[in-house]
Amino acid sequence: MSRIICSSVSSKLQVSTSDSSCQTPLHLTNKTPRKLKLQNEFQAKNKEIKDMKKQINAITQRLVQVNTIEQMLTLCNKFLPPIYVNRINTKAVGYRYSNEFKQLALTIYFLEPRAYRFLQSTLALPNPCTLRCITTNYEITPECVLCADKMSIKSNLFYNIRKDEIIGFNETNNR
């Protein structure tokens, strides 16, 4: 696109001049060193902004986790006995557990293994392998499970309290 500007200059000699100017097409000016430098700076700044946004998101997620951990610790202080609260954030390696603590760990593990894994690092609970070793010390006979939910119990079955077994079933070696 070009335009012609005509102007007359008044002077002693009434000289008439004409000036012609035009705009350079984009395909010639896009790749100039100045524009390339500015484009690179622009891309670098955009990348820096994206990285900072990622850092902000990561920090806010860590802050949320810290808040939940702090809430859990305050609830532990409120509801757990001091013997358990003192175990929070201590190393479980080589630690000797009291029988009471072992019973608590076994109870939590058998009720909900996922909850046990969640609490294991915070309360320094024993490893599940250790719990399995503890249960081998108990004499447990896997003969039957008595479920009293909506079932009728036959009248010829008796429960022996001393032996902790039900009398009246036919015993087999396989089961």
N, C-alpha and C. Protein backbone atom coordinates (compact mmCIF):
# COMPACT_ATOMS: atom_id res chain seq x y z
N MET A 1 0.86 -1.16 0.00
CA MET A 1 0.00 0.00 0.00
C MET A 1 0.90 1.22 0.00
N SER A 2 0.66 2.09 -0.90
CA SER A 2 1.49 3.28 -0.95
C SER A 2 0.59 4.50 -1.02
N ARG A 3 1.10 5.56 -0.53
CA ARG A 3 0.34 6.81 -0.61
C ARG A 3 1.30 7.93 -1.00
N ILE A 4 0.77 8.83 -1.63
CA ILE A 4 1.58 9.94 -2.11
C ILE A 4 1.11 11.19 -1.40
N ILE A 5 2.09 11.86 -0.83
CA ILE A 5 1.77 13.10 -0.14
C ILE A 5 2.40 14.24 -0.91
N CYS A 6 1.57 15.15 -1.28
CA CYS A 6 2.07 16.32 -2.00
C CYS A 6 1.92 17.53 -1.10
N SER A 7 2.95 18.27 -1.03
CA SER A 7 2.86 19.48 -0.23
C SER A 7 3.63 20.59 -0.94
N SER A 8 3.18 21.74 -0.71
CA SER A 8 3.88 22.86 -1.32
C SER A 8 4.51 23.68 -0.21
N VAL A 9 5.69 24.02 -0.45
CA VAL A 9 6.43 24.77 0.54
C VAL A 9 6.58 26.20 0.02
N SER A 10 6.19 27.10 0.86
CA SER A 10 6.31 28.49 0.41
C SER A 10 7.67 29.02 0.79
N SER A 11 8.32 29.42 -0.15
CA SER A 11 9.63 30.03 0.05
C SER A 11 9.85 31.02 -1.09
N LYS A 12 11.01 31.41 -1.24
CA LYS A 12 11.28 32.36 -2.29
C LYS A 12 11.02 31.76 -3.65
N LEU A 13 11.29 30.51 -3.74
CA LEU A 13 11.15 29.89 -5.04
C LEU A 13 9.95 28.95 -5.08
N GLN A 14 8.99 29.04 -4.68
CA GLN A 14 7.81 28.18 -4.76
C GLN A 14 8.17 26.80 -5.30
N VAL A 15 8.80 25.99 -4.44
CA VAL A 15 9.23 24.67 -4.86
C VAL A 15 8.14 23.69 -4.46
N SER A 16 7.81 22.85 -5.34
CA SER A 16 6.81 21.83 -5.08
C SER A 16 7.53 20.50 -4.97
N THR A 17 7.29 19.80 -3.83
CA THR A 17 7.94 18.51 -3.64
C THR A 17 6.89 17.45 -3.41
N SER A 18 7.24 16.28 -3.75
CA SER A 18 6.33 15.16 -3.48
C SER A 18 7.11 14.10 -2.72
N ASP A 19 6.44 13.46 -1.76
CA ASP A 19 7.08 12.44 -0.94
C ASP A 19 6.25 11.16 -1.05
N SER A 20 6.91 10.09 -1.30
CA SER A 20 6.21 8.82 -1.43
C SER A 20 6.68 7.90 -0.29
N SER A 21 5.72 7.34 0.49
CA SER A 21 6.07 6.40 1.56
C SER A 21 5.18 5.18 1.45
N CYS A 22 5.71 4.05 1.89
CA CYS A 22 4.91 2.82 1.83
C CYS A 22 5.21 1.96 3.06
N GLN A 23 4.29 1.04 3.34
CA GLN A 23 4.45 0.14 4.47
C GLN A 23 5.04 -1.17 3.95
N THR A 24 6.06 -1.67 4.65
CA THR A 24 6.73 -2.90 4.23
C THR A 24 5.81 -4.09 4.51
N PRO A 25 5.71 -5.03 3.59
CA PRO A 25 4.86 -6.20 3.82
C PRO A 25 5.35 -7.05 5.01
N LEU A 26 4.41 -7.79 5.64
CA LEU A 26 4.72 -8.58 6.83
C LEU A 26 5.72 -9.70 6.55
N HIS A 27 5.65 -10.30 5.39
CA HIS A 27 6.56 -11.41 5.13
C HIS A 27 8.02 -10.97 5.10
N LEU A 28 8.26 -9.69 4.96
CA LEU A 28 9.63 -9.19 4.99
C LEU A 28 10.05 -8.78 6.40
N THR A 29 9.09 -8.42 7.27
CA THR A 29 9.45 -7.91 8.59
C THR A 29 9.30 -8.92 9.71
N ASN A 30 8.67 -10.08 9.47
CA ASN A 30 8.46 -11.05 10.55
C ASN A 30 9.76 -11.65 11.07
N LYS A 31 10.73 -11.81 10.24
CA LYS A 31 11.95 -12.51 10.62
C LYS A 31 13.13 -11.57 10.87
N THR A 32 12.86 -10.37 11.23
CA THR A 32 13.96 -9.46 11.53
C THR A 32 14.58 -9.86 12.87
N PRO A 33 15.84 -9.60 13.06
CA PRO A 33 16.50 -9.99 14.32
C PRO A 33 15.83 -9.38 15.56
N ARG A 34 15.38 -8.18 15.45
CA ARG A 34 14.72 -7.52 16.58
C ARG A 34 13.43 -8.24 16.95
N LYS A 35 12.62 -8.58 15.93
CA LYS A 35 11.35 -9.26 16.20
C LYS A 35 11.59 -10.69 16.69
N LEU A 36 12.58 -11.37 16.15
CA LEU A 36 12.90 -12.71 16.62
C LEU A 36 13.32 -12.69 18.09
N LYS A 37 14.11 -11.70 18.45
CA LYS A 37 14.54 -11.56 19.84
C LYS A 37 13.34 -11.32 20.75
N LEU A 38 12.44 -10.44 20.34
CA LEU A 38 11.25 -10.15 21.14
C LEU A 38 10.34 -11.37 21.25
N GLN A 39 10.21 -12.14 20.16
CA GLN A 39 9.38 -13.35 20.21
C GLN A 39 9.99 -14.38 21.17
N ASN A 40 11.30 -14.52 21.14
CA ASN A 40 11.96 -15.45 22.06
C ASN A 40 11.78 -15.02 23.51
N GLU A 41 11.90 -13.73 23.77
CA GLU A 41 11.68 -13.22 25.12
C GLU A 41 10.24 -13.46 25.56
N PHE A 42 9.31 -13.26 24.65
CA PHE A 42 7.89 -13.48 24.96
C PHE A 42 7.63 -14.95 25.31
N GLN A 43 8.19 -15.86 24.52
CA GLN A 43 8.01 -17.29 24.79
C GLN A 43 8.66 -17.68 26.11
N ALA A 44 9.83 -17.11 26.40
CA ALA A 44 10.51 -17.42 27.66
C ALA A 44 9.69 -16.93 28.85
N LYS A 45 9.11 -15.74 28.73
CA LYS A 45 8.28 -15.20 29.82
C LYS A 45 7.02 -16.04 30.01
N ASN A 46 6.40 -16.48 28.91
CA ASN A 46 5.21 -17.34 29.02
C ASN A 46 5.56 -18.66 29.70
N LYS A 47 6.71 -19.24 29.35
CA LYS A 47 7.15 -20.48 29.98
C LYS A 47 7.40 -20.25 31.47
N GLU A 48 8.01 -19.13 31.80
CA GLU A 48 8.27 -18.80 33.20
C GLU A 48 6.96 -18.65 33.98
N ILE A 49 5.97 -18.03 33.36
CA ILE A 49 4.66 -17.87 34.01
C ILE A 49 4.02 -19.23 34.26
N LYS A 50 4.08 -20.14 33.26
CA LYS A 50 3.51 -21.48 33.43
C LYS A 50 4.21 -22.23 34.56
N ASP A 51 5.55 -22.13 34.60
CA ASP A 51 6.30 -22.81 35.66
C ASP A 51 5.93 -22.26 37.04
N MET A 52 5.77 -20.95 37.13
CA MET A 52 5.39 -20.35 38.41
C MET A 52 3.99 -20.78 38.83
N LYS A 53 3.07 -20.90 37.87
CA LYS A 53 1.72 -21.37 38.19
C LYS A 53 1.77 -22.81 38.71
N LYS A 54 2.62 -23.65 38.10
CA LYS A 54 2.78 -25.03 38.58
C LYS A 54 3.33 -25.04 40.00
N GLN A 55 4.31 -24.17 40.28
CA GLN A 55 4.87 -24.09 41.62
C GLN A 55 3.82 -23.65 42.63
N ILE A 56 3.00 -22.69 42.24
CA ILE A 56 1.93 -22.21 43.13
C ILE A 56 0.96 -23.34 43.44
N ASN A 57 0.58 -24.11 42.41
CA ASN A 57 -0.34 -25.24 42.63
C ASN A 57 0.29 -26.28 43.55
N ALA A 58 1.57 -26.58 43.35
CA ALA A 58 2.24 -27.58 44.19
C ALA A 58 2.32 -27.11 45.64
N ILE A 59 2.62 -25.83 45.84
CA ILE A 59 2.72 -25.29 47.19
C ILE A 59 1.36 -25.29 47.88
N THR A 60 0.30 -24.94 47.15
CA THR A 60 -1.03 -24.94 47.77
C THR A 60 -1.46 -26.36 48.12
N GLN A 61 -1.11 -27.34 47.28
CA GLN A 61 -1.44 -28.73 47.62
C GLN A 61 -0.68 -29.19 48.86
N ARG A 62 0.59 -28.81 48.97
CA ARG A 62 1.35 -29.17 50.17
C ARG A 62 0.76 -28.49 51.40
N LEU A 63 0.30 -27.27 51.24
CA LEU A 63 -0.31 -26.55 52.36
C LEU A 63 -1.59 -27.25 52.81
N VAL A 64 -2.38 -27.73 51.87
CA VAL A 64 -3.60 -28.48 52.22
C VAL A 64 -3.22 -29.74 52.97
N GLN A 65 -2.17 -30.45 52.52
CA GLN A 65 -1.73 -31.66 53.21
C GLN A 65 -1.24 -31.34 54.61
N VAL A 66 -0.51 -30.24 54.77
CA VAL A 66 -0.02 -29.85 56.09
C VAL A 66 -1.20 -29.57 57.01
N ASN A 67 -2.21 -28.89 56.49
CA ASN A 67 -3.38 -28.61 57.32
C ASN A 67 -4.06 -29.90 57.77
N THR A 68 -4.18 -30.87 56.87
CA THR A 68 -4.84 -32.11 57.26
C THR A 68 -3.98 -32.90 58.24
N ILE A 69 -2.66 -32.88 58.09
CA ILE A 69 -1.78 -33.57 59.02
C ILE A 69 -1.84 -32.90 60.39
N GLU A 70 -1.84 -31.56 60.39
CA GLU A 70 -1.95 -30.85 61.67
C GLU A 70 -3.28 -31.16 62.35
N GLN A 71 -4.34 -31.23 61.57
CA GLN A 71 -5.64 -31.58 62.14
C GLN A 71 -5.61 -32.98 62.72
N MET A 72 -4.98 -33.92 62.01
CA MET A 72 -4.90 -35.28 62.50
C MET A 72 -4.10 -35.34 63.80
N LEU A 73 -3.00 -34.58 63.87
CA LEU A 73 -2.18 -34.58 65.08
C LEU A 73 -2.94 -33.99 66.27
N THR A 74 -3.71 -32.94 66.02
CA THR A 74 -4.49 -32.37 67.13
C THR A 74 -5.57 -33.35 67.59
N LEU A 75 -6.18 -34.06 66.65
CA LEU A 75 -7.17 -35.07 67.03
C LEU A 75 -6.52 -36.23 67.78
N CYS A 76 -5.30 -36.60 67.37
CA CYS A 76 -4.59 -37.65 68.10
C CYS A 76 -4.30 -37.21 69.53
N ASN A 77 -3.87 -35.96 69.70
CA ASN A 77 -3.62 -35.44 71.05
C ASN A 77 -4.89 -35.43 71.88
N LYS A 78 -6.01 -35.20 71.22
CA LYS A 78 -7.27 -35.09 71.93
C LYS A 78 -7.83 -36.45 72.33
N PHE A 79 -7.73 -37.45 71.44
CA PHE A 79 -8.44 -38.70 71.67
C PHE A 79 -7.55 -39.89 72.06
N LEU A 80 -6.27 -39.85 71.76
CA LEU A 80 -5.41 -41.00 72.06
C LEU A 80 -4.71 -40.82 73.40
N PRO A 81 -4.41 -41.92 74.07
CA PRO A 81 -3.63 -41.83 75.30
C PRO A 81 -2.21 -41.33 75.01
N PRO A 82 -1.55 -40.76 76.01
CA PRO A 82 -0.21 -40.19 75.78
C PRO A 82 0.81 -41.21 75.28
N ILE A 83 0.66 -42.47 75.65
CA ILE A 83 1.62 -43.48 75.19
C ILE A 83 1.62 -43.60 73.67
N TYR A 84 0.46 -43.39 73.05
CA TYR A 84 0.36 -43.47 71.59
C TYR A 84 0.78 -42.16 70.94
N VAL A 85 0.45 -41.06 71.59
CA VAL A 85 0.80 -39.75 71.03
C VAL A 85 2.31 -39.58 70.99
N ASN A 86 3.02 -40.12 71.99
CA ASN A 86 4.48 -40.01 72.01
C ASN A 86 5.12 -40.78 70.86
N ARG A 87 4.42 -41.72 70.29
CA ARG A 87 4.94 -42.53 69.20
C ARG A 87 4.83 -41.83 67.85
N ILE A 88 4.12 -40.73 67.80
CA ILE A 88 3.91 -40.05 66.53
C ILE A 88 5.24 -39.53 65.99
N ASN A 89 5.47 -39.80 64.73
CA ASN A 89 6.66 -39.36 63.99
C ASN A 89 7.97 -39.88 64.58
N THR A 90 7.96 -41.05 65.22
CA THR A 90 9.21 -41.67 65.65
C THR A 90 9.51 -42.83 64.71
N LYS A 91 10.75 -43.20 64.62
CA LYS A 91 11.14 -44.29 63.73
C LYS A 91 10.72 -45.62 64.35
N ALA A 92 10.15 -46.48 63.52
CA ALA A 92 9.67 -47.77 63.99
C ALA A 92 10.74 -48.85 63.91
N VAL A 93 11.89 -48.54 63.36
CA VAL A 93 12.93 -49.54 63.16
C VAL A 93 13.58 -49.85 64.51
N GLY A 94 13.59 -51.13 64.88
CA GLY A 94 14.24 -51.55 66.11
C GLY A 94 13.49 -51.18 67.37
N TYR A 95 12.26 -50.76 67.25
CA TYR A 95 11.49 -50.34 68.42
C TYR A 95 10.80 -51.55 69.04
N ARG A 96 10.75 -51.60 70.37
CA ARG A 96 10.06 -52.66 71.09
C ARG A 96 8.66 -52.17 71.42
N TYR A 97 7.68 -52.98 71.08
CA TYR A 97 6.29 -52.61 71.28
C TYR A 97 5.73 -53.30 72.51
N SER A 98 4.91 -52.58 73.26
CA SER A 98 4.24 -53.20 74.39
C SER A 98 3.11 -54.08 73.87
N ASN A 99 2.64 -55.01 74.72
CA ASN A 99 1.56 -55.90 74.30
C ASN A 99 0.28 -55.12 73.99
N GLU A 100 0.04 -54.08 74.77
CA GLU A 100 -1.15 -53.25 74.53
C GLU A 100 -1.08 -52.58 73.17
N PHE A 101 0.11 -52.08 72.83
CA PHE A 101 0.29 -51.41 71.54
C PHE A 101 0.16 -52.41 70.40
N LYS A 102 0.68 -53.63 70.60
CA LYS A 102 0.54 -54.67 69.58
C LYS A 102 -0.93 -55.01 69.35
N GLN A 103 -1.70 -55.08 70.43
CA GLN A 103 -3.13 -55.38 70.30
C GLN A 103 -3.84 -54.28 69.53
N LEU A 104 -3.49 -53.03 69.82
CA LEU A 104 -4.10 -51.91 69.09
C LEU A 104 -3.75 -52.00 67.60
N ALA A 105 -2.48 -52.28 67.31
CA ALA A 105 -2.05 -52.38 65.91
C ALA A 105 -2.76 -53.52 65.20
N LEU A 106 -2.88 -54.67 65.86
CA LEU A 106 -3.59 -55.80 65.26
C LEU A 106 -5.05 -55.47 65.00
N THR A 107 -5.68 -54.79 65.94
CA THR A 107 -7.09 -54.43 65.78
C THR A 107 -7.27 -53.51 64.58
N ILE A 108 -6.43 -52.49 64.49
CA ILE A 108 -6.53 -51.55 63.36
C ILE A 108 -6.28 -52.28 62.05
N TYR A 109 -5.27 -53.15 62.04
CA TYR A 109 -4.90 -53.85 60.81
C TYR A 109 -6.02 -54.78 60.34
N PHE A 110 -6.64 -55.51 61.26
CA PHE A 110 -7.68 -56.45 60.85
C PHE A 110 -8.98 -55.75 60.51
N LEU A 111 -9.24 -54.58 61.12
CA LEU A 111 -10.47 -53.85 60.79
C LEU A 111 -10.37 -53.18 59.42
N GLU A 112 -9.26 -52.52 59.17
CA GLU A 112 -9.11 -51.81 57.89
C GLU A 112 -7.63 -51.68 57.54
N PRO A 113 -7.11 -52.55 56.68
CA PRO A 113 -5.69 -52.49 56.31
C PRO A 113 -5.27 -51.18 55.65
N ARG A 114 -6.18 -50.56 54.90
CA ARG A 114 -5.82 -49.27 54.26
C ARG A 114 -5.63 -48.18 55.30
N ALA A 115 -6.48 -48.17 56.32
CA ALA A 115 -6.32 -47.19 57.40
C ALA A 115 -5.03 -47.47 58.16
N TYR A 116 -4.70 -48.73 58.33
CA TYR A 116 -3.45 -49.09 59.00
C TYR A 116 -2.25 -48.56 58.23
N ARG A 117 -2.25 -48.73 56.91
CA ARG A 117 -1.14 -48.23 56.10
C ARG A 117 -1.04 -46.71 56.19
N PHE A 118 -2.20 -46.04 56.28
CA PHE A 118 -2.20 -44.58 56.40
C PHE A 118 -1.59 -44.15 57.74
N LEU A 119 -1.94 -44.84 58.82
CA LEU A 119 -1.46 -44.47 60.15
C LEU A 119 -0.07 -45.01 60.46
N GLN A 120 0.41 -45.94 59.65
CA GLN A 120 1.66 -46.63 59.97
C GLN A 120 2.85 -45.68 60.07
N SER A 121 2.97 -44.76 59.15
CA SER A 121 4.12 -43.85 59.19
C SER A 121 3.98 -42.81 60.29
N THR A 122 2.76 -42.37 60.56
CA THR A 122 2.57 -41.32 61.55
C THR A 122 2.70 -41.85 62.98
N LEU A 123 2.06 -42.98 63.26
CA LEU A 123 2.08 -43.53 64.62
C LEU A 123 3.21 -44.53 64.84
N ALA A 124 4.06 -44.74 63.87
CA ALA A 124 5.17 -45.70 63.95
C ALA A 124 4.64 -47.07 64.35
N LEU A 125 3.63 -47.52 63.62
CA LEU A 125 3.05 -48.84 63.87
C LEU A 125 3.98 -49.91 63.29
N PRO A 126 3.93 -51.11 63.83
CA PRO A 126 4.79 -52.18 63.29
C PRO A 126 4.39 -52.57 61.87
N ASN A 127 5.33 -53.14 61.18
CA ASN A 127 5.11 -53.61 59.82
C ASN A 127 4.08 -54.74 59.83
N PRO A 128 3.22 -54.84 58.80
CA PRO A 128 2.25 -55.94 58.76
C PRO A 128 2.90 -57.33 58.85
N CYS A 129 4.12 -57.47 58.35
CA CYS A 129 4.84 -58.74 58.48
C CYS A 129 5.07 -59.06 59.96
N THR A 130 5.41 -58.04 60.74
CA THR A 130 5.58 -58.21 62.18
C THR A 130 4.27 -58.64 62.82
N LEU A 131 3.18 -58.06 62.37
CA LEU A 131 1.87 -58.43 62.92
C LEU A 131 1.55 -59.88 62.61
N ARG A 132 1.89 -60.34 61.42
CA ARG A 132 1.65 -61.74 61.08
C ARG A 132 2.50 -62.66 61.96
N CYS A 133 3.71 -62.25 62.26
CA CYS A 133 4.55 -63.04 63.17
C CYS A 133 3.95 -63.07 64.57
N ILE A 134 3.37 -61.96 65.00
CA ILE A 134 2.73 -61.91 66.32
C ILE A 134 1.55 -62.87 66.36
N THR A 135 0.77 -62.92 65.29
CA THR A 135 -0.41 -63.78 65.29
C THR A 135 -0.03 -65.26 65.26
N THR A 136 1.18 -65.59 64.81
CA THR A 136 1.58 -67.00 64.84
C THR A 136 1.82 -67.47 66.27
N ASN A 137 2.08 -66.55 67.19
CA ASN A 137 2.28 -66.92 68.60
C ASN A 137 0.97 -67.32 69.26
N TYR A 138 -0.14 -66.88 68.73
CA TYR A 138 -1.44 -67.23 69.29
C TYR A 138 -1.88 -68.58 68.74
N GLU A 139 -2.51 -69.36 69.59
CA GLU A 139 -3.02 -70.65 69.14
C GLU A 139 -4.44 -70.45 68.64
N ILE A 140 -4.57 -70.42 67.33
CA ILE A 140 -5.87 -70.18 66.71
C ILE A 140 -6.23 -71.43 65.92
N THR A 141 -7.40 -71.98 66.21
CA THR A 141 -7.86 -73.15 65.46
C THR A 141 -8.87 -72.69 64.43
N PRO A 142 -8.59 -72.92 63.16
CA PRO A 142 -9.49 -72.45 62.10
C PRO A 142 -10.62 -73.44 61.82
N GLU A 143 -11.40 -73.76 62.85
CA GLU A 143 -12.44 -74.77 62.67
C GLU A 143 -13.74 -74.18 62.14
N CYS A 144 -14.23 -73.13 62.74
CA CYS A 144 -15.50 -72.60 62.28
C CYS A 144 -15.62 -71.13 62.63
N VAL A 145 -16.56 -70.48 61.98
CA VAL A 145 -16.91 -69.11 62.28
C VAL A 145 -18.38 -69.11 62.63
N LEU A 146 -18.71 -68.56 63.78
CA LEU A 146 -20.10 -68.51 64.21
C LEU A 146 -20.65 -67.14 63.85
N CYS A 147 -21.56 -67.12 62.91
CA CYS A 147 -22.20 -65.88 62.49
C CYS A 147 -23.64 -65.92 62.95
N ALA A 148 -24.03 -65.00 63.80
CA ALA A 148 -25.37 -65.03 64.39
C ALA A 148 -26.28 -63.99 63.75
N ASP A 149 -26.11 -63.74 62.48
CA ASP A 149 -26.93 -62.76 61.80
C ASP A 149 -27.98 -63.48 60.97
N LYS A 150 -29.21 -63.44 61.42
CA LYS A 150 -30.35 -64.01 60.70
C LYS A 150 -30.16 -65.49 60.38
N MET A 151 -29.78 -66.26 61.38
CA MET A 151 -29.67 -67.70 61.17
C MET A 151 -30.20 -68.41 62.40
N SER A 152 -30.70 -69.58 62.18
CA SER A 152 -31.20 -70.35 63.31
C SER A 152 -30.12 -71.34 63.74
N ILE A 153 -29.91 -71.43 65.05
CA ILE A 153 -28.91 -72.34 65.58
C ILE A 153 -29.62 -73.63 65.97
N LYS A 154 -29.07 -74.74 65.56
CA LYS A 154 -29.69 -76.03 65.84
C LYS A 154 -29.60 -76.33 67.34
N SER A 155 -30.58 -77.05 67.83
CA SER A 155 -30.65 -77.31 69.26
C SER A 155 -29.63 -78.34 69.73
N ASN A 156 -29.04 -79.12 68.84
CA ASN A 156 -28.09 -80.14 69.27
C ASN A 156 -26.64 -79.64 69.26
N LEU A 157 -26.42 -78.35 69.10
CA LEU A 157 -25.07 -77.78 69.15
C LEU A 157 -24.86 -77.12 70.51
N PHE A 158 -23.65 -77.32 71.07
CA PHE A 158 -23.31 -76.74 72.36
C PHE A 158 -21.97 -76.04 72.26
N TYR A 159 -21.81 -75.00 73.05
CA TYR A 159 -20.57 -74.24 73.06
C TYR A 159 -19.82 -74.54 74.35
N ASN A 160 -18.58 -75.04 74.24
CA ASN A 160 -17.74 -75.33 75.39
C ASN A 160 -16.86 -74.12 75.66
N ILE A 161 -17.09 -73.46 76.78
CA ILE A 161 -16.39 -72.22 77.09
C ILE A 161 -14.91 -72.49 77.37
N ARG A 162 -14.59 -73.55 78.09
CA ARG A 162 -13.20 -73.83 78.46
C ARG A 162 -12.34 -74.11 77.23
N LYS A 163 -12.86 -74.88 76.29
CA LYS A 163 -12.10 -75.22 75.08
C LYS A 163 -12.33 -74.24 73.94
N ASP A 164 -13.31 -73.35 74.09
CA ASP A 164 -13.65 -72.36 73.08
C ASP A 164 -13.96 -73.04 71.74
N GLU A 165 -14.90 -74.01 71.79
CA GLU A 165 -15.28 -74.70 70.57
C GLU A 165 -16.76 -75.08 70.63
N ILE A 166 -17.30 -75.35 69.48
CA ILE A 166 -18.70 -75.77 69.37
C ILE A 166 -18.73 -77.29 69.27
N ILE A 167 -19.56 -77.91 70.09
CA ILE A 167 -19.67 -79.37 70.13
C ILE A 167 -20.95 -79.76 69.42
N GLY A 168 -20.87 -80.79 68.58
CA GLY A 168 -22.05 -81.27 67.90
C GLY A 168 -21.85 -81.49 66.42
N PHE A 169 -20.79 -80.93 65.85
CA PHE A 169 -20.48 -81.17 64.45
C PHE A 169 -19.63 -82.42 64.33
N ASN A 170 -19.70 -83.08 63.20
CA ASN A 170 -18.82 -84.22 62.94
C ASN A 170 -17.45 -83.68 62.57
N GLU A 171 -16.41 -84.14 63.25
CA GLU A 171 -15.05 -83.69 63.00
C GLU A 171 -14.45 -84.47 61.84
N THR A 172 -13.84 -83.78 60.92
CA THR A 172 -13.10 -84.42 59.83
C THR A 172 -11.69 -83.87 59.82
N ASN A 173 -10.77 -84.62 59.30
CA ASN A 173 -9.37 -84.18 59.27
C ASN A 173 -9.12 -83.13 58.19
N ASN A 174 -9.93 -83.14 57.15
CA ASN A 174 -9.72 -82.21 56.04
C ASN A 174 -10.14 -80.79 56.39
N ARG A 175 -11.16 -80.68 57.20
CA ARG A 175 -11.70 -79.34 57.47
C ARG A 175 -11.81 -79.05 58.92
